[in-house]
Amino acid sequence: MASLETFRLHAFVCSNQRAPNHPRGCCADKNSLDIMTRLKRAARAAGIDDVRVNKSGCLDHCESGVSCVVYPAGVWYTIPDDDAAIARIVEHFAGGEVATDFLMGD
């Protein structure tokens, strides 16, 4: 039996696409797929191989910006389209503190 790959963290980035006139907007229109790709590449470049970054369907917070949830802790981020923000979240992935500047909510 093949061994299952295990991940310390699993990050899901919303890639939901809504109709252009939807009042809540959507993460896809906020460049979420590109942001997810950059987040994944930055984690790999930092040598982090025990974190999985995936696109997801709707995380139900599209009006807040590009939504991301990191499990198992259930940390919710709004990821700006900014390399410094992505780098800060990757620091969290590497075992650092949660990137509080990008936490979703109040």
PDB file of N, CA and C in Angstrom:
ATOM      1  N   MET A   1       0.855  -1.187   0.000  1.00  0.00           N
ATOM      2  CA  MET A   1       0.000   0.000   0.000  1.00  0.00           C
ATOM      3  C   MET A   1       0.896   1.244   0.000  1.00  0.00           C
ATOM      4  N   ALA A   2       0.608   2.169  -0.878  1.00  0.00           N
ATOM      5  CA  ALA A   2       1.377   3.411  -0.970  1.00  0.00           C
ATOM      6  C   ALA A   2       1.063   4.303   0.223  1.00  0.00           C
ATOM      7  N   SER A   3       2.101   5.019   0.687  1.00  0.00           N
ATOM      8  CA  SER A   3       1.872   5.929   1.806  1.00  0.00           C
ATOM      9  C   SER A   3       1.174   7.195   1.316  1.00  0.00           C
ATOM     10  N   LEU A   4       0.361   7.728   2.165  1.00  0.00           N
ATOM     11  CA  LEU A   4      -0.342   8.970   1.849  1.00  0.00           C
ATOM     12  C   LEU A   4       0.543  10.149   2.198  1.00  0.00           C
ATOM     13  N   GLU A   5       0.571  11.134   1.325  1.00  0.00           N
ATOM     14  CA  GLU A   5       1.316  12.352   1.606  1.00  0.00           C
ATOM     15  C   GLU A   5       0.586  13.112   2.708  1.00  0.00           C
ATOM     16  N   THR A   6       1.324  13.585   3.684  1.00  0.00           N
ATOM     17  CA  THR A   6       0.689  14.334   4.764  1.00  0.00           C
ATOM     18  C   THR A   6       1.160  15.777   4.709  1.00  0.00           C
ATOM     19  N   PHE A   7       0.267  16.647   5.078  1.00  0.00           N
ATOM     20  CA  PHE A   7       0.546  18.076   5.086  1.00  0.00           C
ATOM     21  C   PHE A   7       0.274  18.620   6.479  1.00  0.00           C
ATOM     22  N   ARG A   8       1.159  19.483   6.916  1.00  0.00           N
ATOM     23  CA  ARG A   8       1.004  20.147   8.213  1.00  0.00           C
ATOM     24  C   ARG A   8      -0.108  21.179   8.155  1.00  0.00           C
ATOM     25  N   LEU A   9      -0.173  21.904   7.021  1.00  0.00           N
ATOM     26  CA  LEU A   9      -1.213  22.908   6.788  1.00  0.00           C
ATOM     27  C   LEU A   9      -1.799  22.688   5.405  1.00  0.00           C
ATOM     28  N   HIS A  10      -3.051  23.064   5.265  1.00  0.00           N
ATOM     29  CA  HIS A  10      -3.715  23.006   3.967  1.00  0.00           C
ATOM     30  C   HIS A  10      -4.441  24.337   3.787  1.00  0.00           C
ATOM     31  N   ALA A  11      -4.062  25.085   2.744  1.00  0.00           N
ATOM     32  CA  ALA A  11      -4.653  26.403   2.482  1.00  0.00           C
ATOM     33  C   ALA A  11      -5.545  26.312   1.253  1.00  0.00           C
ATOM     34  N   PHE A  12      -6.770  26.783   1.401  1.00  0.00           N
ATOM     35  CA  PHE A  12      -7.720  26.822   0.300  1.00  0.00           C
ATOM     36  C   PHE A  12      -7.970  28.285  -0.069  1.00  0.00           C
ATOM     37  N   VAL A  13      -7.801  28.614  -1.348  1.00  0.00           N
ATOM     38  CA  VAL A  13      -8.016  29.970  -1.851  1.00  0.00           C
ATOM     39  C   VAL A  13      -9.232  29.936  -2.769  1.00  0.00           C
ATOM     40  N   CYS A  14     -10.201  30.767  -2.475  1.00  0.00           N
ATOM     41  CA  CYS A  14     -11.445  30.802  -3.247  1.00  0.00           C
ATOM     42  C   CYS A  14     -11.181  31.204  -4.696  1.00  0.00           C
ATOM     43  N   SER A  15     -11.785  30.463  -5.609  1.00  0.00           N
ATOM     44  CA  SER A  15     -11.704  30.799  -7.033  1.00  0.00           C
ATOM     45  C   SER A  15     -13.099  30.953  -7.616  1.00  0.00           C
ATOM     46  N   ASN A  16     -14.061  31.220  -6.764  1.00  0.00           N
ATOM     47  CA  ASN A  16     -15.457  31.304  -7.182  1.00  0.00           C
ATOM     48  C   ASN A  16     -15.683  32.415  -8.212  1.00  0.00           C
ATOM     49  N   GLN A  17     -16.512  32.113  -9.199  1.00  0.00           N
ATOM     50  CA  GLN A  17     -16.888  33.085 -10.234  1.00  0.00           C
ATOM     51  C   GLN A  17     -18.398  33.281 -10.168  1.00  0.00           C
ATOM     52  N   ARG A  18     -18.812  34.516  -9.912  1.00  0.00           N
ATOM     53  CA  ARG A  18     -20.235  34.864  -9.921  1.00  0.00           C
ATOM     54  C   ARG A  18     -20.535  35.723 -11.137  1.00  0.00           C
ATOM     55  N   ALA A  19     -21.806  35.935 -11.370  1.00  0.00           N
ATOM     56  CA  ALA A  19     -22.215  36.816 -12.466  1.00  0.00           C
ATOM     57  C   ALA A  19     -21.637  38.214 -12.239  1.00  0.00           C
ATOM     58  N   PRO A  20     -21.301  38.919 -13.322  1.00  0.00           N
ATOM     59  CA  PRO A  20     -20.656  40.239 -13.186  1.00  0.00           C
ATOM     60  C   PRO A  20     -21.452  41.248 -12.347  1.00  0.00           C
ATOM     61  N   ASN A  21     -22.753  41.138 -12.320  1.00  0.00           N
ATOM     62  CA  ASN A  21     -23.575  42.109 -11.590  1.00  0.00           C
ATOM     63  C   ASN A  21     -23.958  41.643 -10.185  1.00  0.00           C
ATOM     64  N   HIS A  22     -23.367  40.555  -9.708  1.00  0.00           N
ATOM     65  CA  HIS A  22     -23.724  40.042  -8.384  1.00  0.00           C
ATOM     66  C   HIS A  22     -23.275  41.042  -7.316  1.00  0.00           C
ATOM     67  N   PRO A  23     -24.140  41.384  -6.365  1.00  0.00           N
ATOM     68  CA  PRO A  23     -23.808  42.413  -5.367  1.00  0.00           C
ATOM     69  C   PRO A  23     -22.652  42.042  -4.431  1.00  0.00           C
ATOM     70  N   ARG A  24     -22.363  40.759  -4.251  1.00  0.00           N
ATOM     71  CA  ARG A  24     -21.276  40.351  -3.355  1.00  0.00           C
ATOM     72  C   ARG A  24     -19.941  40.243  -4.070  1.00  0.00           C
ATOM     73  N   GLY A  25     -19.941  40.344  -5.386  1.00  0.00           N
ATOM     74  CA  GLY A  25     -18.698  40.188  -6.126  1.00  0.00           C
ATOM     75  C   GLY A  25     -18.221  38.756  -6.079  1.00  0.00           C
ATOM     76  N   CYS A  26     -16.995  38.537  -6.526  1.00  0.00           N
ATOM     77  CA  CYS A  26     -16.433  37.190  -6.463  1.00  0.00           C
ATOM     78  C   CYS A  26     -14.919  37.273  -6.403  1.00  0.00           C
ATOM     79  N   CYS A  27     -14.341  36.250  -5.839  1.00  0.00           N
ATOM     80  CA  CYS A  27     -12.881  36.214  -5.683  1.00  0.00           C
ATOM     81  C   CYS A  27     -12.175  36.107  -7.030  1.00  0.00           C
ATOM     82  N   ALA A  28     -12.767  35.401  -7.988  1.00  0.00           N
ATOM     83  CA  ALA A  28     -12.120  35.257  -9.297  1.00  0.00           C
ATOM     84  C   ALA A  28     -11.882  36.610  -9.944  1.00  0.00           C
ATOM     85  N   ASP A  29     -12.820  37.519  -9.806  1.00  0.00           N
ATOM     86  CA  ASP A  29     -12.663  38.857 -10.383  1.00  0.00           C
ATOM     87  C   ASP A  29     -11.623  39.695  -9.645  1.00  0.00           C
ATOM     88  N   LYS A  30     -11.180  39.215  -8.488  1.00  0.00           N
ATOM     89  CA  LYS A  30     -10.159  39.925  -7.710  1.00  0.00           C
ATOM     90  C   LYS A  30      -8.790  39.262  -7.885  1.00  0.00           C
ATOM     91  N   ASN A  31      -8.651  38.474  -8.972  1.00  0.00           N
ATOM     92  CA  ASN A  31      -7.361  37.882  -9.337  1.00  0.00           C
ATOM     93  C   ASN A  31      -6.970  36.713  -8.431  1.00  0.00           C
ATOM     94  N   SER A  32      -7.958  35.984  -7.907  1.00  0.00           N
ATOM     95  CA  SER A  32      -7.667  34.936  -6.922  1.00  0.00           C
ATOM     96  C   SER A  32      -6.815  33.790  -7.472  1.00  0.00           C
ATOM     97  N   LEU A  33      -7.013  33.397  -8.719  1.00  0.00           N
ATOM     98  CA  LEU A  33      -6.210  32.285  -9.243  1.00  0.00           C
ATOM     99  C   LEU A  33      -4.734  32.664  -9.357  1.00  0.00           C
ATOM    100  N   ASP A  34      -4.458  33.880  -9.788  1.00  0.00           N
ATOM    101  CA  ASP A  34      -3.074  34.342  -9.855  1.00  0.00           C
ATOM    102  C   ASP A  34      -2.478  34.454  -8.455  1.00  0.00           C
ATOM    103  N   ILE A  35      -3.247  34.981  -7.523  1.00  0.00           N
ATOM    104  CA  ILE A  35      -2.777  35.111  -6.137  1.00  0.00           C
ATOM    105  C   ILE A  35      -2.493  33.738  -5.545  1.00  0.00           C
ATOM    106  N   MET A  36      -3.376  32.767  -5.797  1.00  0.00           N
ATOM    107  CA  MET A  36      -3.175  31.411  -5.305  1.00  0.00           C
ATOM    108  C   MET A  36      -1.894  30.811  -5.885  1.00  0.00           C
ATOM    109  N   THR A  37      -1.672  31.011  -7.183  1.00  0.00           N
ATOM    110  CA  THR A  37      -0.462  30.496  -7.832  1.00  0.00           C
ATOM    111  C   THR A  37       0.785  31.127  -7.235  1.00  0.00           C
ATOM    112  N   ARG A  38       0.761  32.430  -7.013  1.00  0.00           N
ATOM    113  CA  ARG A  38       1.912  33.117  -6.416  1.00  0.00           C
ATOM    114  C   ARG A  38       2.163  32.656  -4.983  1.00  0.00           C
ATOM    115  N   LEU A  39       1.090  32.427  -4.226  1.00  0.00           N
ATOM    116  CA  LEU A  39       1.208  31.920  -2.861  1.00  0.00           C
ATOM    117  C   LEU A  39       1.853  30.534  -2.871  1.00  0.00           C
ATOM    118  N   LYS A  40       1.401  29.662  -3.755  1.00  0.00           N
ATOM    119  CA  LYS A  40       1.945  28.312  -3.871  1.00  0.00           C
ATOM    120  C   LYS A  40       3.421  28.355  -4.267  1.00  0.00           C
ATOM    121  N   ARG A  41       3.750  29.175  -5.248  1.00  0.00           N
ATOM    122  CA  ARG A  41       5.144  29.270  -5.702  1.00  0.00           C
ATOM    123  C   ARG A  41       6.053  29.846  -4.619  1.00  0.00           C
ATOM    124  N   ALA A  42       5.543  30.838  -3.882  1.00  0.00           N
ATOM    125  CA  ALA A  42       6.341  31.442  -2.809  1.00  0.00           C
ATOM    126  C   ALA A  42       6.613  30.425  -1.705  1.00  0.00           C
ATOM    127  N   ALA A  43       5.628  29.601  -1.400  1.00  0.00           N
ATOM    128  CA  ALA A  43       5.831  28.558  -0.381  1.00  0.00           C
ATOM    129  C   ALA A  43       6.874  27.545  -0.856  1.00  0.00           C
ATOM    130  N   ARG A  44       6.786  27.143  -2.104  1.00  0.00           N
ATOM    131  CA  ARG A  44       7.787  26.208  -2.644  1.00  0.00           C
ATOM    132  C   ARG A  44       9.173  26.828  -2.653  1.00  0.00           C
ATOM    133  N   ALA A  45       9.270  28.094  -3.071  1.00  0.00           N
ATOM    134  CA  ALA A  45      10.566  28.786  -3.128  1.00  0.00           C
ATOM    135  C   ALA A  45      11.194  28.902  -1.738  1.00  0.00           C
ATOM    136  N   ALA A  46      10.338  28.972  -0.713  1.00  0.00           N
ATOM    137  CA  ALA A  46      10.826  29.053   0.669  1.00  0.00           C
ATOM    138  C   ALA A  46      11.184  27.675   1.218  1.00  0.00           C
ATOM    139  N   GLY A  47      11.024  26.635   0.399  1.00  0.00           N
ATOM    140  CA  GLY A  47      11.361  25.286   0.829  1.00  0.00           C
ATOM    141  C   GLY A  47      10.316  24.637   1.708  1.00  0.00           C
ATOM    142  N   ILE A  48       9.112  25.156   1.672  1.00  0.00           N
ATOM    143  CA  ILE A  48       8.030  24.617   2.501  1.00  0.00           C
ATOM    144  C   ILE A  48       7.341  23.511   1.696  1.00  0.00           C
ATOM    145  N   ASP A  49       7.562  22.265   2.110  1.00  0.00           N
ATOM    146  CA  ASP A  49       6.987  21.155   1.358  1.00  0.00           C
ATOM    147  C   ASP A  49       5.902  20.400   2.115  1.00  0.00           C
ATOM    148  N   ASP A  50       5.551  20.895   3.292  1.00  0.00           N
ATOM    149  CA  ASP A  50       4.500  20.227   4.066  1.00  0.00           C
ATOM    150  C   ASP A  50       3.234  21.082   4.176  1.00  0.00           C
ATOM    151  N   VAL A  51       3.085  22.009   3.236  1.00  0.00           N
ATOM    152  CA  VAL A  51       1.883  22.847   3.153  1.00  0.00           C
ATOM    153  C   VAL A  51       1.307  22.696   1.762  1.00  0.00           C
ATOM    154  N   ARG A  52       0.026  22.427   1.691  1.00  0.00           N
ATOM    155  CA  ARG A  52      -0.654  22.280   0.406  1.00  0.00           C
ATOM    156  C   ARG A  52      -1.507  23.520   0.181  1.00  0.00           C
ATOM    157  N   VAL A  53      -1.356  24.152  -0.994  1.00  0.00           N
ATOM    158  CA  VAL A  53      -2.153  25.312  -1.377  1.00  0.00           C
ATOM    159  C   VAL A  53      -3.009  24.898  -2.567  1.00  0.00           C
ATOM    160  N   ASN A  54      -4.323  25.014  -2.424  1.00  0.00           N
ATOM    161  CA  ASN A  54      -5.274  24.619  -3.456  1.00  0.00           C
ATOM    162  C   ASN A  54      -6.287  25.716  -3.709  1.00  0.00           C
ATOM    163  N   LYS A  55      -6.838  25.720  -4.919  1.00  0.00           N
ATOM    164  CA  LYS A  55      -8.005  26.556  -5.166  1.00  0.00           C
ATOM    165  C   LYS A  55      -9.212  25.836  -4.592  1.00  0.00           C
ATOM    166  N   SER A  56     -10.211  26.610  -4.275  1.00  0.00           N
ATOM    167  CA  SER A  56     -11.452  26.028  -3.758  1.00  0.00           C
ATOM    168  C   SER A  56     -12.630  26.672  -4.464  1.00  0.00           C
ATOM    169  N   GLY A  57     -13.776  26.101  -4.230  1.00  0.00           N
ATOM    170  CA  GLY A  57     -15.010  26.747  -4.634  1.00  0.00           C
ATOM    171  C   GLY A  57     -15.305  27.864  -3.656  1.00  0.00           C
ATOM    172  N   CYS A  58     -16.519  28.334  -3.663  1.00  0.00           N
ATOM    173  CA  CYS A  58     -16.899  29.474  -2.837  1.00  0.00           C
ATOM    174  C   CYS A  58     -16.683  29.202  -1.351  1.00  0.00           C
ATOM    175  N   LEU A  59     -16.007  30.134  -0.696  1.00  0.00           N
ATOM    176  CA  LEU A  59     -15.819  30.085   0.754  1.00  0.00           C
ATOM    177  C   LEU A  59     -16.801  31.015   1.465  1.00  0.00           C
ATOM    178  N   ASP A  60     -17.687  31.643   0.695  1.00  0.00           N
ATOM    179  CA  ASP A  60     -18.805  32.448   1.202  1.00  0.00           C
ATOM    180  C   ASP A  60     -18.383  33.762   1.855  1.00  0.00           C
ATOM    181  N   HIS A  61     -17.243  34.326   1.431  1.00  0.00           N
ATOM    182  CA  HIS A  61     -16.810  35.630   1.942  1.00  0.00           C
ATOM    183  C   HIS A  61     -16.247  36.495   0.822  1.00  0.00           C
ATOM    184  N   CYS A  62     -16.747  36.333  -0.388  1.00  0.00           N
ATOM    185  CA  CYS A  62     -16.180  37.020  -1.553  1.00  0.00           C
ATOM    186  C   CYS A  62     -16.217  38.542  -1.425  1.00  0.00           C
ATOM    187  N   GLU A  63     -17.172  39.060  -0.706  1.00  0.00           N
ATOM    188  CA  GLU A  63     -17.258  40.512  -0.573  1.00  0.00           C
ATOM    189  C   GLU A  63     -16.112  41.077   0.268  1.00  0.00           C
ATOM    190  N   SER A  64     -15.408  40.208   0.989  1.00  0.00           N
ATOM    191  CA  SER A  64     -14.305  40.650   1.835  1.00  0.00           C
ATOM    192  C   SER A  64     -12.971  40.727   1.103  1.00  0.00           C
ATOM    193  N   GLY A  65     -12.912  40.249  -0.109  1.00  0.00           N
ATOM    194  CA  GLY A  65     -11.653  40.182  -0.858  1.00  0.00           C
ATOM    195  C   GLY A  65     -11.345  38.743  -1.168  1.00  0.00           C
ATOM    196  N   VAL A  66     -10.141  38.465  -1.646  1.00  0.00           N
ATOM    197  CA  VAL A  66      -9.773  37.082  -1.959  1.00  0.00           C
ATOM    198  C   VAL A  66      -9.714  36.298  -0.650  1.00  0.00           C
ATOM    199  N   SER A  67     -10.579  35.304  -0.538  1.00  0.00           N
ATOM    200  CA  SER A  67     -10.722  34.537   0.693  1.00  0.00           C
ATOM    201  C   SER A  67      -9.805  33.327   0.699  1.00  0.00           C
ATOM    202  N   CYS A  68      -9.234  33.064   1.871  1.00  0.00           N
ATOM    203  CA  CYS A  68      -8.360  31.912   2.063  1.00  0.00           C
ATOM    204  C   CYS A  68      -8.587  31.386   3.474  1.00  0.00           C
ATOM    205  N   VAL A  69      -8.691  30.074   3.594  1.00  0.00           N
ATOM    206  CA  VAL A  69      -8.766  29.454   4.917  1.00  0.00           C
ATOM    207  C   VAL A  69      -7.640  28.438   5.017  1.00  0.00           C
ATOM    208  N   VAL A  70      -6.969  28.446   6.174  1.00  0.00           N
ATOM    209  CA  VAL A  70      -5.823  27.564   6.412  1.00  0.00           C
ATOM    210  C   VAL A  70      -6.212  26.596   7.534  1.00  0.00           C
ATOM    211  N   TYR A  71      -6.176  25.315   7.216  1.00  0.00           N
ATOM    212  CA  TYR A  71      -6.484  24.271   8.190  1.00  0.00           C
ATOM    213  C   TYR A  71      -5.199  23.554   8.594  1.00  0.00           C
ATOM    214  N   PRO A  72      -5.120  23.005   9.803  1.00  0.00           N
ATOM    215  CA  PRO A  72      -6.232  22.624  10.645  1.00  0.00           C
ATOM    216  C   PRO A  72      -6.729  23.708  11.604  1.00  0.00           C
ATOM    217  N   ALA A  73      -6.017  24.811  11.755  1.00  0.00           N
ATOM    218  CA  ALA A  73      -6.409  25.815  12.757  1.00  0.00           C
ATOM    219  C   ALA A  73      -7.637  26.623  12.354  1.00  0.00           C
ATOM    220  N   GLY A  74      -7.976  26.646  11.061  1.00  0.00           N
ATOM    221  CA  GLY A  74      -9.122  27.425  10.617  1.00  0.00           C
ATOM    222  C   GLY A  74      -8.843  28.923  10.607  1.00  0.00           C
ATOM    223  N   VAL A  75      -7.643  29.313  10.200  1.00  0.00           N
ATOM    224  CA  VAL A  75      -7.277  30.730  10.097  1.00  0.00           C
ATOM    225  C   VAL A  75      -7.811  31.259   8.771  1.00  0.00           C
ATOM    226  N   TRP A  76      -8.560  32.355   8.825  1.00  0.00           N
ATOM    227  CA  TRP A  76      -9.155  32.951   7.623  1.00  0.00           C
ATOM    228  C   TRP A  76      -8.407  34.223   7.255  1.00  0.00           C
ATOM    229  N   TYR A  77      -7.946  34.279   6.004  1.00  0.00           N
ATOM    230  CA  TYR A  77      -7.255  35.448   5.480  1.00  0.00           C
ATOM    231  C   TYR A  77      -8.036  36.077   4.339  1.00  0.00           C
ATOM    232  N   THR A  78      -7.886  37.392   4.209  1.00  0.00           N
ATOM    233  CA  THR A  78      -8.213  38.122   2.992  1.00  0.00           C
ATOM    234  C   THR A  78      -6.862  38.473   2.383  1.00  0.00           C
ATOM    235  N   ILE A  79      -6.563  37.899   1.233  1.00  0.00           N
ATOM    236  CA  ILE A  79      -5.237  38.065   0.647  1.00  0.00           C
ATOM    237  C   ILE A  79      -5.261  39.185  -0.385  1.00  0.00           C
ATOM    238  N   PRO A  80      -4.540  40.267  -0.129  1.00  0.00           N
ATOM    239  CA  PRO A  80      -4.453  41.324  -1.132  1.00  0.00           C
ATOM    240  C   PRO A  80      -3.551  40.899  -2.290  1.00  0.00           C
ATOM    241  N   ASP A  81      -3.725  41.545  -3.420  1.00  0.00           N
ATOM    242  CA  ASP A  81      -2.903  41.274  -4.601  1.00  0.00           C
ATOM    243  C   ASP A  81      -1.591  42.027  -4.438  1.00  0.00           C
ATOM    244  N   ASP A  82      -0.760  41.523  -3.522  1.00  0.00           N
ATOM    245  CA  ASP A  82       0.450  42.229  -3.116  1.00  0.00           C
ATOM    246  C   ASP A  82       1.495  41.194  -2.702  1.00  0.00           C
ATOM    247  N   ASP A  83       2.676  41.255  -3.296  1.00  0.00           N
ATOM    248  CA  ASP A  83       3.711  40.269  -3.007  1.00  0.00           C
ATOM    249  C   ASP A  83       4.178  40.313  -1.557  1.00  0.00           C
ATOM    250  N   ALA A  84       4.194  41.480  -0.931  1.00  0.00           N
ATOM    251  CA  ALA A  84       4.604  41.571   0.477  1.00  0.00           C
ATOM    252  C   ALA A  84       3.599  40.844   1.374  1.00  0.00           C
ATOM    253  N   ALA A  85       2.319  40.967   1.067  1.00  0.00           N
ATOM    254  CA  ALA A  85       1.285  40.258   1.836  1.00  0.00           C
ATOM    255  C   ALA A  85       1.433  38.755   1.656  1.00  0.00           C
ATOM    256  N   ILE A  86       1.651  38.333   0.425  1.00  0.00           N
ATOM    257  CA  ILE A  86       1.835  36.906   0.158  1.00  0.00           C
ATOM    258  C   ILE A  86       3.052  36.385   0.922  1.00  0.00           C
ATOM    259  N   ALA A  87       4.134  37.144   0.918  1.00  0.00           N
ATOM    260  CA  ALA A  87       5.344  36.735   1.639  1.00  0.00           C
ATOM    261  C   ALA A  87       5.069  36.613   3.135  1.00  0.00           C
ATOM    262  N   ARG A  88       4.274  37.504   3.681  1.00  0.00           N
ATOM    263  CA  ARG A  88       3.953  37.475   5.117  1.00  0.00           C
ATOM    264  C   ARG A  88       3.126  36.235   5.457  1.00  0.00           C
ATOM    265  N   ILE A  89       2.192  35.866   4.577  1.00  0.00           N
ATOM    266  CA  ILE A  89       1.386  34.665   4.803  1.00  0.00           C
ATOM    267  C   ILE A  89       2.265  33.417   4.684  1.00  0.00           C
ATOM    268  N   VAL A  90       3.216  33.424   3.766  1.00  0.00           N
ATOM    269  CA  VAL A  90       4.155  32.307   3.639  1.00  0.00           C
ATOM    270  C   VAL A  90       4.991  32.170   4.908  1.00  0.00           C
ATOM    271  N   GLU A  91       5.334  33.281   5.562  1.00  0.00           N
ATOM    272  CA  GLU A  91       6.032  33.207   6.845  1.00  0.00           C
ATOM    273  C   GLU A  91       5.203  32.426   7.860  1.00  0.00           C
ATOM    274  N   HIS A  92       3.883  32.653   7.860  1.00  0.00           N
ATOM    275  CA  HIS A  92       2.992  31.878   8.727  1.00  0.00           C
ATOM    276  C   HIS A  92       3.090  30.396   8.361  1.00  0.00           C
ATOM    277  N   PHE A  93       3.055  30.086   7.066  1.00  0.00           N
ATOM    278  CA  PHE A  93       3.167  28.699   6.615  1.00  0.00           C
ATOM    279  C   PHE A  93       4.462  28.055   7.103  1.00  0.00           C
ATOM    280  N   ALA A  94       5.522  28.843   7.174  1.00  0.00           N
ATOM    281  CA  ALA A  94       6.838  28.325   7.565  1.00  0.00           C
ATOM    282  C   ALA A  94       6.940  28.059   9.064  1.00  0.00           C
ATOM    283  N   GLY A  95       5.897  28.392   9.799  1.00  0.00           N
ATOM    284  CA  GLY A  95       5.908  28.155  11.237  1.00  0.00           C
ATOM    285  C   GLY A  95       5.913  29.415  12.061  1.00  0.00           C
ATOM    286  N   GLY A  96       5.810  30.559  11.377  1.00  0.00           N
ATOM    287  CA  GLY A  96       5.770  31.833  12.076  1.00  0.00           C
ATOM    288  C   GLY A  96       4.380  32.146  12.613  1.00  0.00           C
ATOM    289  N   GLU A  97       4.270  33.340  13.142  1.00  0.00           N
ATOM    290  CA  GLU A  97       2.990  33.802  13.681  1.00  0.00           C
ATOM    291  C   GLU A  97       1.968  33.992  12.566  1.00  0.00           C
ATOM    292  N   VAL A  98       0.708  33.931  12.933  1.00  0.00           N
ATOM    293  CA  VAL A  98      -0.380  34.235  12.002  1.00  0.00           C
ATOM    294  C   VAL A  98      -0.197  35.667  11.509  1.00  0.00           C
ATOM    295  N   ALA A  99      -0.429  35.887  10.229  1.00  0.00           N
ATOM    296  CA  ALA A  99      -0.288  37.217   9.613  1.00  0.00           C
ATOM    297  C   ALA A  99      -1.526  38.043   9.950  1.00  0.00           C
ATOM    298  N   THR A 100      -1.546  38.629  11.142  1.00  0.00           N
ATOM    299  CA  THR A 100      -2.741  39.287  11.664  1.00  0.00           C
ATOM    300  C   THR A 100      -3.233  40.449  10.798  1.00  0.00           C
ATOM    301  N   ASP A 101      -2.338  41.079  10.052  1.00  0.00           N
ATOM    302  CA  ASP A 101      -2.772  42.192   9.195  1.00  0.00           C
ATOM    303  C   ASP A 101      -3.746  41.757   8.116  1.00  0.00           C
ATOM    304  N   PHE A 102      -3.771  40.458   7.820  1.00  0.00           N
ATOM    305  CA  PHE A 102      -4.592  39.963   6.714  1.00  0.00           C
ATOM    306  C   PHE A 102      -5.697  39.033   7.170  1.00  0.00           C
ATOM    307  N   LEU A 103      -5.935  38.983   8.487  1.00  0.00           N
ATOM    308  CA  LEU A 103      -7.022  38.159   8.996  1.00  0.00           C
ATOM    309  C   LEU A 103      -8.363  38.720   8.529  1.00  0.00           C
ATOM    310  N   MET A 104      -9.250  37.820   8.197  1.00  0.00           N
ATOM    311  CA  MET A 104     -10.583  38.220   7.755  1.00  0.00           C
ATOM    312  C   MET A 104     -11.436  38.549   8.969  1.00  0.00           C
ATOM    313  N   GLY A 105     -12.236  39.551   8.844  1.00  0.00           N
ATOM    314  CA  GLY A 105     -13.162  39.909   9.918  1.00  0.00           C
ATOM    315  C   GLY A 105     -12.656  41.071  10.741  1.00  0.00           C
ATOM    316  N   ASP A 106     -13.365  41.320  11.832  1.00  0.00           N
ATOM    317  CA  ASP A 106     -13.041  42.457  12.704  1.00  0.00           C
ATOM    318  C   ASP A 106     -11.837  42.199  13.556  1.00  0.00           C
TER     319      ASP A 106
END
